[in-house]
Amino acid sequence: MKTPNRLRTLSISLSLIILALGFSALGLVSYLNKPSSLTGGFFSVENTYAFVGSGFSVLVGTIFLVAAISITFKGVKPGSERFVSAINATLV
């Protein structure tokens, strides 16, 4: 029964990592995409919306990455039986 649980955890973690990379990439692309100088200065409404939107996108990507890490490593603490058995299983 442990194999389906591990497979489910792996698929959830992989999905969350893909979402994290996607949102972060979207945020960074819109942040790095410089509009032409004809649209106004740095504090124009368009630039402000783009900056806030890209900031939220990177923040959501970070939240997805933290969720993936916490799901992957939940319950694994140094000294716990699960951690020790996982180490011993790979050595045998």
N, C-alpha and C. Protein backbone atom coordinates (compact mmCIF):
# COMPACT_ATOMS: atom_id res chain seq x y z
N MET A 1 0.80 -1.20 0.00
CA MET A 1 0.00 0.00 0.00
C MET A 1 0.84 1.27 0.00
N LYS A 2 2.13 1.15 0.29
CA LYS A 2 2.94 2.35 0.34
C LYS A 2 3.26 2.86 -1.06
N THR A 3 3.32 1.99 -2.04
CA THR A 3 3.67 2.43 -3.39
C THR A 3 2.63 3.37 -3.98
N PRO A 4 1.32 3.10 -3.91
CA PRO A 4 0.36 4.08 -4.43
C PRO A 4 0.41 5.41 -3.68
N ASN A 5 0.65 5.37 -2.37
CA ASN A 5 0.76 6.62 -1.62
C ASN A 5 1.99 7.41 -2.05
N ARG A 6 3.08 6.71 -2.27
CA ARG A 6 4.29 7.41 -2.72
C ARG A 6 4.11 7.96 -4.14
N LEU A 7 3.44 7.16 -4.97
CA LEU A 7 3.17 7.62 -6.34
C LEU A 7 2.25 8.83 -6.33
N ARG A 8 1.25 8.82 -5.48
CA ARG A 8 0.34 9.96 -5.37
C ARG A 8 1.09 11.19 -4.87
N THR A 9 1.94 11.01 -3.86
CA THR A 9 2.72 12.14 -3.33
C THR A 9 3.67 12.68 -4.39
N LEU A 10 4.29 11.77 -5.15
CA LEU A 10 5.21 12.21 -6.20
C LEU A 10 4.47 12.97 -7.29
N SER A 11 3.30 12.49 -7.69
CA SER A 11 2.56 13.17 -8.75
C SER A 11 2.04 14.53 -8.28
N ILE A 12 1.60 14.62 -7.04
CA ILE A 12 1.14 15.91 -6.51
C ILE A 12 2.31 16.89 -6.43
N SER A 13 3.44 16.42 -5.94
CA SER A 13 4.61 17.29 -5.82
C SER A 13 5.08 17.76 -7.18
N LEU A 14 5.10 16.85 -8.15
CA LEU A 14 5.52 17.22 -9.50
C LEU A 14 4.56 18.24 -10.11
N SER A 15 3.27 18.06 -9.90
CA SER A 15 2.29 19.02 -10.41
C SER A 15 2.47 20.40 -9.77
N LEU A 16 2.70 20.41 -8.48
CA LEU A 16 2.89 21.70 -7.79
C LEU A 16 4.18 22.38 -8.23
N ILE A 17 5.23 21.60 -8.49
CA ILE A 17 6.48 22.20 -8.97
C ILE A 17 6.29 22.78 -10.36
N ILE A 18 5.55 22.08 -11.21
CA ILE A 18 5.28 22.61 -12.55
C ILE A 18 4.47 23.90 -12.47
N LEU A 19 3.47 23.93 -11.59
CA LEU A 19 2.70 25.16 -11.41
C LEU A 19 3.57 26.29 -10.88
N ALA A 20 4.45 25.97 -9.94
CA ALA A 20 5.35 26.99 -9.38
C ALA A 20 6.26 27.56 -10.45
N LEU A 21 6.82 26.69 -11.29
CA LEU A 21 7.69 27.18 -12.36
C LEU A 21 6.92 28.00 -13.39
N GLY A 22 5.69 27.58 -13.69
CA GLY A 22 4.89 28.32 -14.66
C GLY A 22 4.52 29.71 -14.17
N PHE A 23 4.02 29.80 -12.94
CA PHE A 23 3.65 31.11 -12.42
C PHE A 23 4.87 32.02 -12.26
N SER A 24 5.97 31.46 -11.80
CA SER A 24 7.18 32.27 -11.65
C SER A 24 7.70 32.75 -13.00
N ALA A 25 7.66 31.88 -14.00
CA ALA A 25 8.11 32.29 -15.33
C ALA A 25 7.20 33.38 -15.90
N LEU A 26 5.89 33.23 -15.72
CA LEU A 26 4.97 34.27 -16.20
C LEU A 26 5.25 35.60 -15.51
N GLY A 27 5.48 35.54 -14.21
CA GLY A 27 5.76 36.77 -13.48
C GLY A 27 7.06 37.41 -13.91
N LEU A 28 8.09 36.59 -14.12
CA LEU A 28 9.38 37.15 -14.53
C LEU A 28 9.34 37.68 -15.95
N VAL A 29 8.61 37.01 -16.83
CA VAL A 29 8.53 37.49 -18.22
C VAL A 29 7.82 38.84 -18.28
N SER A 30 6.72 38.97 -17.55
CA SER A 30 6.02 40.25 -17.60
C SER A 30 6.81 41.34 -16.87
N TYR A 31 7.62 40.95 -15.90
CA TYR A 31 8.45 41.94 -15.21
C TYR A 31 9.61 42.39 -16.10
N LEU A 32 10.20 41.44 -16.82
CA LEU A 32 11.35 41.77 -17.65
C LEU A 32 10.98 42.38 -18.99
N ASN A 33 9.73 42.20 -19.42
CA ASN A 33 9.29 42.75 -20.69
C ASN A 33 9.13 44.26 -20.53
N LYS A 34 10.04 44.99 -21.10
CA LYS A 34 10.02 46.45 -20.99
C LYS A 34 9.15 47.05 -22.08
N PRO A 35 8.12 47.80 -21.69
CA PRO A 35 7.32 48.47 -22.73
C PRO A 35 8.12 49.59 -23.37
N SER A 36 7.65 50.03 -24.53
CA SER A 36 8.37 51.09 -25.23
C SER A 36 8.34 52.38 -24.41
N SER A 37 9.26 53.24 -24.70
CA SER A 37 9.39 54.48 -23.93
C SER A 37 8.26 55.46 -24.23
N LEU A 38 7.44 55.18 -25.23
CA LEU A 38 6.34 56.07 -25.59
C LEU A 38 5.17 55.97 -24.61
N THR A 39 5.11 54.91 -23.82
CA THR A 39 3.95 54.73 -22.94
C THR A 39 4.05 55.55 -21.67
N GLY A 40 5.15 56.12 -21.37
CA GLY A 40 5.26 56.94 -20.18
C GLY A 40 6.41 56.52 -19.30
N GLY A 41 6.45 57.09 -18.12
CA GLY A 41 7.52 56.81 -17.18
C GLY A 41 7.31 55.54 -16.40
N PHE A 42 8.18 55.36 -15.43
CA PHE A 42 8.14 54.15 -14.60
C PHE A 42 6.87 54.10 -13.76
N PHE A 43 6.38 55.25 -13.33
CA PHE A 43 5.22 55.31 -12.44
C PHE A 43 3.90 55.45 -13.20
N SER A 44 3.88 55.09 -14.46
CA SER A 44 2.61 55.14 -15.20
C SER A 44 1.72 54.00 -14.73
N VAL A 45 0.44 54.10 -15.04
CA VAL A 45 -0.53 53.11 -14.59
C VAL A 45 -0.22 51.74 -15.19
N GLU A 46 0.16 51.71 -16.48
CA GLU A 46 0.44 50.43 -17.13
C GLU A 46 1.62 49.74 -16.49
N ASN A 47 2.67 50.48 -16.21
CA ASN A 47 3.85 49.88 -15.58
C ASN A 47 3.56 49.43 -14.15
N THR A 48 2.73 50.18 -13.44
CA THR A 48 2.39 49.81 -12.08
C THR A 48 1.59 48.52 -12.05
N TYR A 49 0.60 48.40 -12.95
CA TYR A 49 -0.20 47.17 -13.03
C TYR A 49 0.67 45.98 -13.41
N ALA A 50 1.58 46.17 -14.34
CA ALA A 50 2.46 45.08 -14.75
C ALA A 50 3.36 44.65 -13.60
N PHE A 51 3.87 45.62 -12.85
CA PHE A 51 4.75 45.30 -11.72
C PHE A 51 3.99 44.57 -10.62
N VAL A 52 2.79 45.03 -10.29
CA VAL A 52 1.98 44.38 -9.24
C VAL A 52 1.56 42.98 -9.70
N GLY A 53 1.15 42.84 -10.94
CA GLY A 53 0.74 41.54 -11.46
C GLY A 53 1.88 40.54 -11.48
N SER A 54 3.05 40.99 -11.90
CA SER A 54 4.19 40.07 -11.92
C SER A 54 4.63 39.72 -10.50
N GLY A 55 4.50 40.66 -9.58
CA GLY A 55 4.82 40.36 -8.18
C GLY A 55 3.90 39.31 -7.59
N PHE A 56 2.59 39.44 -7.88
CA PHE A 56 1.64 38.43 -7.40
C PHE A 56 1.88 37.07 -8.04
N SER A 57 2.26 37.07 -9.31
CA SER A 57 2.51 35.81 -10.00
C SER A 57 3.72 35.10 -9.40
N VAL A 58 4.77 35.83 -9.12
CA VAL A 58 5.94 35.23 -8.48
C VAL A 58 5.60 34.77 -7.06
N LEU A 59 4.77 35.52 -6.36
CA LEU A 59 4.34 35.12 -5.01
C LEU A 59 3.54 33.83 -5.05
N VAL A 60 2.63 33.70 -6.00
CA VAL A 60 1.84 32.46 -6.13
C VAL A 60 2.76 31.29 -6.49
N GLY A 61 3.74 31.52 -7.35
CA GLY A 61 4.70 30.48 -7.68
C GLY A 61 5.50 30.04 -6.46
N THR A 62 5.86 30.98 -5.61
CA THR A 62 6.58 30.65 -4.38
C THR A 62 5.70 29.84 -3.44
N ILE A 63 4.43 30.19 -3.35
CA ILE A 63 3.50 29.45 -2.49
C ILE A 63 3.34 28.02 -2.99
N PHE A 64 3.23 27.83 -4.31
CA PHE A 64 3.13 26.48 -4.86
C PHE A 64 4.41 25.69 -4.58
N LEU A 65 5.57 26.34 -4.66
CA LEU A 65 6.83 25.64 -4.40
C LEU A 65 6.94 25.23 -2.94
N VAL A 66 6.53 26.10 -2.03
CA VAL A 66 6.55 25.75 -0.60
C VAL A 66 5.58 24.61 -0.32
N ALA A 67 4.42 24.62 -0.98
CA ALA A 67 3.46 23.52 -0.80
C ALA A 67 4.03 22.21 -1.31
N ALA A 68 4.73 22.25 -2.44
CA ALA A 68 5.33 21.02 -2.98
C ALA A 68 6.40 20.48 -2.05
N ILE A 69 7.20 21.36 -1.50
CA ILE A 69 8.26 20.92 -0.59
C ILE A 69 7.66 20.36 0.69
N SER A 70 6.61 21.01 1.21
CA SER A 70 6.03 20.52 2.45
C SER A 70 5.30 19.19 2.25
N ILE A 71 4.68 18.98 1.09
CA ILE A 71 4.03 17.70 0.83
C ILE A 71 5.06 16.60 0.63
N THR A 72 6.16 16.93 -0.03
CA THR A 72 7.18 15.93 -0.30
C THR A 72 7.86 15.48 0.99
N PHE A 73 8.15 16.40 1.87
CA PHE A 73 8.93 16.07 3.06
C PHE A 73 8.11 16.08 4.34
N LYS A 74 6.79 15.96 4.25
CA LYS A 74 5.99 15.97 5.48
C LYS A 74 6.26 14.70 6.30
N GLY A 75 6.38 14.86 7.56
CA GLY A 75 6.58 13.73 8.44
C GLY A 75 7.98 13.16 8.43
N VAL A 76 8.87 13.67 7.62
CA VAL A 76 10.23 13.16 7.59
C VAL A 76 11.09 14.09 8.43
N LYS A 77 11.40 13.62 9.61
CA LYS A 77 12.23 14.39 10.52
C LYS A 77 13.46 13.56 10.85
N PRO A 78 14.61 14.19 11.00
CA PRO A 78 15.79 13.42 11.38
C PRO A 78 15.55 12.70 12.71
N GLY A 79 15.81 11.41 12.73
CA GLY A 79 15.61 10.62 13.94
C GLY A 79 14.29 9.89 13.97
N SER A 80 13.36 10.21 13.07
CA SER A 80 12.09 9.51 13.07
C SER A 80 12.27 8.14 12.41
N GLU A 81 11.37 7.22 12.70
CA GLU A 81 11.47 5.87 12.15
C GLU A 81 11.31 5.87 10.64
N ARG A 82 10.46 6.73 10.14
CA ARG A 82 10.25 6.78 8.69
C ARG A 82 11.52 7.23 7.98
N PHE A 83 12.22 8.19 8.56
CA PHE A 83 13.46 8.69 7.96
C PHE A 83 14.53 7.60 8.00
N VAL A 84 14.66 6.92 9.12
CA VAL A 84 15.67 5.88 9.27
C VAL A 84 15.36 4.70 8.36
N SER A 85 14.12 4.28 8.26
CA SER A 85 13.78 3.16 7.40
C SER A 85 13.99 3.50 5.94
N ALA A 86 13.76 4.76 5.55
CA ALA A 86 14.01 5.16 4.17
C ALA A 86 15.49 5.11 3.86
N ILE A 87 16.32 5.47 4.79
CA ILE A 87 17.76 5.41 4.57
C ILE A 87 18.23 3.96 4.51
N ASN A 88 17.77 3.13 5.43
CA ASN A 88 18.18 1.73 5.45
C ASN A 88 17.69 0.97 4.23
N ALA A 89 16.53 1.30 3.73
CA ALA A 89 16.00 0.62 2.56
C ALA A 89 16.85 0.89 1.33
N THR A 90 17.43 2.05 1.23
CA THR A 90 18.26 2.35 0.06
C THR A 90 19.64 1.74 0.18
N LEU A 91 20.10 1.45 1.38
CA LEU A 91 21.43 0.87 1.55
C LEU A 91 21.44 -0.64 1.30
N VAL A 92 20.30 -1.28 1.47
CA VAL A 92 20.26 -2.75 1.32
C VAL A 92 20.27 -3.17 -0.07
